């Protein structure tokens, strides 16, 4: 998709600070972080949101979660804990309609 921001990042058209990559996933720092560690993990293949990703390709959804775990380890978040957020739909804050996980850590979070 040529108009998708994250697809353009995957294609190398838009720069990003990559922290982890596999053949199927890409993880990069959020440009507007909400925590000391705020990394986005995306499938390189376009899916509008996590529900679409899970329905279309459960194995790829699993690869995204494996990449989330690898990012958390690489960023030193395993011992202190981290939060993973998938926003699905504009009503809950999704602004880029390409499935992505927010890996957040480095501070204390309250209950949801």
Protein backbone atom coordinates (compact mmCIF):
# COMPACT_ATOMS: atom_id res chain seq x y z
CA UNK A 1 0.00 0.00 0.00
CA UNK A 2 1.63 3.21 -1.14
CA UNK A 3 -0.37 5.45 1.19
CA UNK A 4 0.28 3.44 4.37
CA UNK A 5 2.90 5.05 6.60
CA UNK A 6 4.14 1.75 8.01
CA UNK A 7 4.29 0.09 4.58
CA UNK A 8 6.43 3.02 3.46
CA UNK A 9 8.72 2.49 6.47
CA UNK A 10 9.00 -1.22 5.56
CA UNK A 11 9.85 -0.21 1.97
CA UNK A 12 12.60 2.12 3.23
CA UNK A 13 10.86 5.23 1.85
CA UNK A 14 10.52 6.78 5.31
CA UNK A 15 13.32 6.50 7.88
CA UNK A 16 12.79 4.83 11.24
CA UNK A 17 15.02 3.90 14.17
CA UNK A 18 14.90 0.12 13.82
CA UNK A 19 15.57 -1.86 16.99
CA UNK A 20 14.69 -5.37 15.78
CA UNK A 21 13.88 -7.05 12.49
CA UNK A 22 12.99 -10.50 11.20
CA UNK A 23 12.05 -11.54 7.67
CA UNK A 24 8.36 -11.01 8.60
CA UNK A 25 8.40 -8.22 11.23
CA UNK A 26 9.94 -4.83 11.92
CA UNK A 27 10.29 -3.04 15.26
CA UNK A 28 11.15 0.65 15.52
CA UNK A 29 10.99 3.47 18.05
CA UNK A 30 7.78 5.50 18.20
CA UNK A 31 8.38 9.10 17.11
CA UNK A 32 6.04 10.34 19.85
CA UNK A 33 6.90 8.06 22.80
CA UNK A 34 4.46 7.65 25.69
CA UNK A 35 7.02 5.88 27.91
CA UNK A 36 10.81 5.76 28.31
CA UNK A 37 10.73 2.70 26.05
CA UNK A 38 8.11 2.87 23.30
CA UNK A 39 8.70 0.55 20.36
CA UNK A 40 6.23 -0.36 17.61
CA UNK A 41 6.27 -3.92 16.29
CA UNK A 42 4.61 -4.46 12.92
CA UNK A 43 4.18 -7.26 10.41
CA UNK A 44 5.92 -6.29 7.19
CA UNK A 45 2.83 -7.49 5.33
CA UNK A 46 -0.06 -5.04 5.45
CA UNK A 47 -3.06 -5.88 7.64
CA UNK A 48 -5.33 -3.05 8.80
CA UNK A 49 -5.39 -4.06 12.46
CA UNK A 50 -4.67 -6.95 14.81
CA UNK A 51 -8.13 -8.47 14.27
CA UNK A 52 -7.57 -8.58 10.51
CA UNK A 53 -4.06 -9.94 11.03
CA UNK A 54 -5.24 -12.70 13.36
CA UNK A 55 -8.05 -13.72 11.01
CA UNK A 56 -5.91 -13.70 7.86
CA UNK A 57 -2.62 -15.09 9.14
CA UNK A 58 -2.50 -16.50 12.68
CA UNK A 59 1.12 -17.65 12.18
CA UNK A 60 2.19 -14.11 11.31
CA UNK A 61 0.30 -12.81 14.36
CA UNK A 62 2.38 -15.26 16.41
CA UNK A 63 5.56 -13.93 14.79
CA UNK A 64 4.56 -10.41 15.79
CA UNK A 65 4.17 -11.58 19.41
CA UNK A 66 7.53 -13.38 19.26
CA UNK A 67 9.08 -10.13 18.05
CA UNK A 68 7.39 -8.27 20.92
CA UNK A 69 9.11 -10.65 23.35
CA UNK A 70 12.46 -10.23 21.59
CA UNK A 71 12.14 -6.43 21.72
CA UNK A 72 11.25 -6.55 25.42
CA UNK A 73 14.33 -8.65 26.10
CA UNK A 74 16.59 -6.47 23.96
CA UNK A 75 15.31 -3.31 25.67
CA UNK A 76 15.85 -4.78 29.15
CA UNK A 77 12.17 -4.90 30.06
CA UNK A 78 11.73 -8.54 31.05
CA UNK A 79 12.65 -8.15 34.72
CA UNK A 80 10.67 -4.98 35.43
CA UNK A 81 7.79 -5.78 33.13
CA UNK A 82 6.26 -4.12 30.11
CA UNK A 83 2.91 -3.39 28.54
CA UNK A 84 1.77 -4.41 25.06
CA UNK A 85 -1.08 -2.49 23.42
CA UNK A 86 -2.86 -3.17 20.12
CA UNK A 87 -5.33 -0.40 19.27
CA UNK A 88 -8.00 -1.63 16.86
CA UNK A 89 -10.21 1.08 15.38
CA UNK A 90 -10.22 4.85 15.49
CA UNK A 91 -12.60 4.94 18.49
CA UNK A 92 -9.81 3.53 20.69
CA UNK A 93 -6.96 5.55 19.26
CA UNK A 94 -5.69 3.68 16.20
CA UNK A 95 -4.29 6.33 13.87
CA UNK A 96 -2.20 4.22 11.48
CA UNK A 97 -4.27 1.45 9.97
CA UNK A 98 -1.53 -1.15 9.74
CA UNK A 99 -1.49 -3.72 12.55
CA UNK A 100 1.03 -2.76 15.20
CA UNK A 101 1.88 -3.50 18.81
CA UNK A 102 3.08 -0.80 21.16
CA UNK A 103 5.75 -2.17 23.51
CA UNK A 104 5.87 0.19 26.50
CA UNK A 105 8.20 0.04 29.46
CA UNK A 106 10.66 1.77 31.68
CA UNK A 107 8.08 3.14 34.11
CA UNK A 108 5.31 1.94 36.40
CA UNK A 109 1.79 1.53 35.03
CA UNK A 110 -1.47 1.39 36.96
CA UNK A 111 -4.33 -1.01 36.46
CA UNK A 112 -6.32 -0.77 33.27
